[in-house]
N, C-alpha and C. Protein backbone atom coordinates (compact mmCIF):
# COMPACT_ATOMS: atom_id res chain seq x y z
N UNK A 1 25.55 16.51 -104.33
CA UNK A 1 25.49 16.35 -102.89
C UNK A 1 25.19 14.90 -102.54
N UNK A 2 24.37 14.27 -103.38
CA UNK A 2 24.00 12.88 -103.13
C UNK A 2 25.23 11.97 -103.21
N UNK A 3 26.10 12.24 -104.17
CA UNK A 3 27.33 11.44 -104.30
C UNK A 3 28.23 11.59 -103.09
N UNK A 4 28.30 12.81 -102.57
CA UNK A 4 29.13 13.07 -101.40
C UNK A 4 28.62 12.28 -100.20
N UNK A 5 27.32 12.27 -100.02
CA UNK A 5 26.74 11.52 -98.90
C UNK A 5 26.94 10.02 -99.08
N UNK A 6 26.84 9.53 -100.30
CA UNK A 6 27.08 8.10 -100.54
C UNK A 6 28.54 7.75 -100.29
N UNK A 7 29.44 8.62 -100.69
CA UNK A 7 30.86 8.37 -100.44
C UNK A 7 31.15 8.35 -98.95
N UNK A 8 30.59 9.30 -98.23
CA UNK A 8 30.77 9.34 -96.77
C UNK A 8 30.18 8.10 -96.12
N UNK A 9 29.05 7.65 -96.62
CA UNK A 9 28.44 6.42 -96.11
C UNK A 9 29.31 5.21 -96.38
N UNK A 10 29.94 5.18 -97.54
CA UNK A 10 30.85 4.08 -97.87
C UNK A 10 32.04 4.03 -96.94
N UNK A 11 32.61 5.20 -96.66
CA UNK A 11 33.74 5.24 -95.73
C UNK A 11 33.31 4.86 -94.32
N UNK A 12 32.15 5.31 -93.90
CA UNK A 12 31.66 4.96 -92.56
C UNK A 12 31.41 3.46 -92.44
N UNK A 13 30.82 2.88 -93.46
CA UNK A 13 30.57 1.45 -93.44
C UNK A 13 31.88 0.67 -93.42
N UNK A 14 32.86 1.09 -94.21
CA UNK A 14 34.16 0.43 -94.22
C UNK A 14 34.84 0.55 -92.86
N UNK A 15 34.74 1.71 -92.25
CA UNK A 15 35.33 1.92 -90.93
C UNK A 15 34.73 0.98 -89.91
N UNK A 16 33.42 0.88 -89.89
CA UNK A 16 32.76 -0.01 -88.93
C UNK A 16 33.06 -1.47 -89.22
N UNK A 17 33.15 -1.83 -90.48
CA UNK A 17 33.48 -3.20 -90.86
C UNK A 17 34.88 -3.58 -90.39
N UNK A 18 35.85 -2.72 -90.63
CA UNK A 18 37.22 -3.01 -90.21
C UNK A 18 37.32 -3.05 -88.69
N UNK A 19 36.66 -2.14 -88.00
CA UNK A 19 36.69 -2.16 -86.54
C UNK A 19 36.05 -3.43 -85.98
N UNK A 20 34.99 -3.88 -86.61
CA UNK A 20 34.35 -5.13 -86.18
C UNK A 20 35.25 -6.33 -86.37
N UNK A 21 35.95 -6.36 -87.48
CA UNK A 21 36.87 -7.48 -87.74
C UNK A 21 38.02 -7.45 -86.74
N UNK A 22 38.56 -6.26 -86.48
CA UNK A 22 39.67 -6.15 -85.54
C UNK A 22 39.19 -6.52 -84.13
N UNK A 23 37.97 -6.21 -83.80
CA UNK A 23 37.45 -6.49 -82.45
C UNK A 23 37.35 -7.99 -82.17
N UNK A 24 37.11 -8.81 -83.18
CA UNK A 24 36.98 -10.25 -82.94
C UNK A 24 38.31 -10.97 -82.98
N UNK A 25 39.39 -10.27 -83.35
CA UNK A 25 40.71 -10.89 -83.35
C UNK A 25 41.21 -11.05 -81.92
N UNK A 26 42.07 -12.04 -81.67
CA UNK A 26 42.67 -12.17 -80.34
C UNK A 26 43.49 -10.92 -79.99
N UNK A 27 43.60 -10.64 -78.71
CA UNK A 27 44.27 -9.42 -78.26
C UNK A 27 45.72 -9.35 -78.74
N UNK A 28 46.42 -10.46 -78.77
CA UNK A 28 47.82 -10.45 -79.23
C UNK A 28 47.90 -10.02 -80.70
N UNK A 29 46.95 -10.45 -81.50
CA UNK A 29 46.95 -10.07 -82.92
C UNK A 29 46.57 -8.60 -83.06
N UNK A 30 45.64 -8.13 -82.24
CA UNK A 30 45.24 -6.72 -82.29
C UNK A 30 46.43 -5.81 -82.04
N UNK A 31 47.27 -6.17 -81.08
CA UNK A 31 48.42 -5.33 -80.75
C UNK A 31 49.54 -5.47 -81.77
N UNK A 32 49.57 -6.57 -82.50
CA UNK A 32 50.62 -6.79 -83.48
C UNK A 32 50.36 -6.04 -84.80
N UNK A 33 49.09 -5.77 -85.09
CA UNK A 33 48.75 -5.09 -86.36
C UNK A 33 48.97 -3.59 -86.19
N UNK A 34 49.80 -2.99 -87.05
CA UNK A 34 50.04 -1.54 -86.96
C UNK A 34 48.76 -0.75 -87.28
N UNK A 35 48.64 0.41 -86.68
CA UNK A 35 47.47 1.26 -86.92
C UNK A 35 47.40 1.72 -88.36
N UNK A 36 48.54 1.87 -89.01
CA UNK A 36 48.55 2.30 -90.41
C UNK A 36 47.89 1.26 -91.32
N UNK A 37 48.05 -0.01 -90.99
CA UNK A 37 47.42 -1.07 -91.79
C UNK A 37 45.91 -1.00 -91.65
N UNK A 38 45.44 -0.77 -90.44
CA UNK A 38 44.00 -0.66 -90.22
C UNK A 38 43.44 0.56 -90.95
N UNK A 39 44.13 1.69 -90.86
CA UNK A 39 43.69 2.90 -91.57
C UNK A 39 43.71 2.72 -93.07
N UNK A 40 44.72 2.03 -93.58
CA UNK A 40 44.78 1.77 -95.02
C UNK A 40 43.64 0.89 -95.48
N UNK A 41 43.29 -0.10 -94.67
CA UNK A 41 42.17 -0.98 -95.02
C UNK A 41 40.87 -0.20 -95.06
N UNK A 42 40.70 0.72 -94.13
CA UNK A 42 39.49 1.56 -94.12
C UNK A 42 39.42 2.41 -95.38
N UNK A 43 40.55 3.01 -95.77
CA UNK A 43 40.55 3.86 -96.96
C UNK A 43 40.26 3.07 -98.23
N UNK A 44 40.88 1.90 -98.35
CA UNK A 44 40.67 1.09 -99.55
C UNK A 44 39.22 0.60 -99.63
N UNK A 45 38.72 0.04 -98.53
CA UNK A 45 37.34 -0.44 -98.55
C UNK A 45 36.34 0.69 -98.74
N UNK A 46 36.61 1.84 -98.14
CA UNK A 46 35.73 2.99 -98.31
C UNK A 46 35.71 3.49 -99.74
N UNK A 47 36.88 3.53 -100.38
CA UNK A 47 36.95 3.98 -101.77
C UNK A 47 36.21 3.01 -102.70
N UNK A 48 36.39 1.72 -102.46
CA UNK A 48 35.69 0.72 -103.28
C UNK A 48 34.18 0.83 -103.06
N UNK A 49 33.77 0.97 -101.81
CA UNK A 49 32.34 1.10 -101.52
C UNK A 49 31.74 2.37 -102.11
N UNK A 50 32.47 3.46 -102.03
CA UNK A 50 31.97 4.72 -102.59
C UNK A 50 31.89 4.64 -104.10
N UNK A 51 32.85 3.98 -104.71
CA UNK A 51 32.83 3.86 -106.17
C UNK A 51 31.65 3.02 -106.63
N UNK A 52 31.39 1.93 -105.91
CA UNK A 52 30.24 1.09 -106.28
C UNK A 52 28.92 1.81 -106.04
N UNK A 53 28.85 2.58 -104.96
CA UNK A 53 27.60 3.27 -104.63
C UNK A 53 27.30 4.38 -105.62
N UNK A 54 28.35 5.03 -106.12
CA UNK A 54 28.11 6.18 -107.01
C UNK A 54 27.63 5.73 -108.38
N UNK A 55 28.03 4.56 -108.81
CA UNK A 55 27.58 4.07 -110.11
C UNK A 55 28.16 4.88 -111.25
N UNK A 56 27.53 4.78 -112.40
CA UNK A 56 28.00 5.51 -113.57
C UNK A 56 27.48 6.94 -113.55
N UNK A 57 28.31 7.89 -113.97
CA UNK A 57 27.82 9.27 -114.05
C UNK A 57 26.78 9.41 -115.17
N UNK A 58 25.83 10.26 -114.93
CA UNK A 58 24.74 10.46 -115.91
C UNK A 58 24.91 11.75 -116.63
C-alpha cells in the first residue's frame, strides 16, 4: 500500500510541476502545445518519480 501511495504522490507532483511550467509560458505557446504532449510529460515524469520513490524491492 505504501508503494501505491508513493506512486500516486509521484504522479501528483509531476502533474503539478508540468502545470506550473505551462502556466509561466506565454499564452501563444500555451495554445500551440497539444494537450497530448502535456499529458505525456505528466506520465513520464510521474513514472520516473514513482520509480525513484519506490527504491529497491526488499
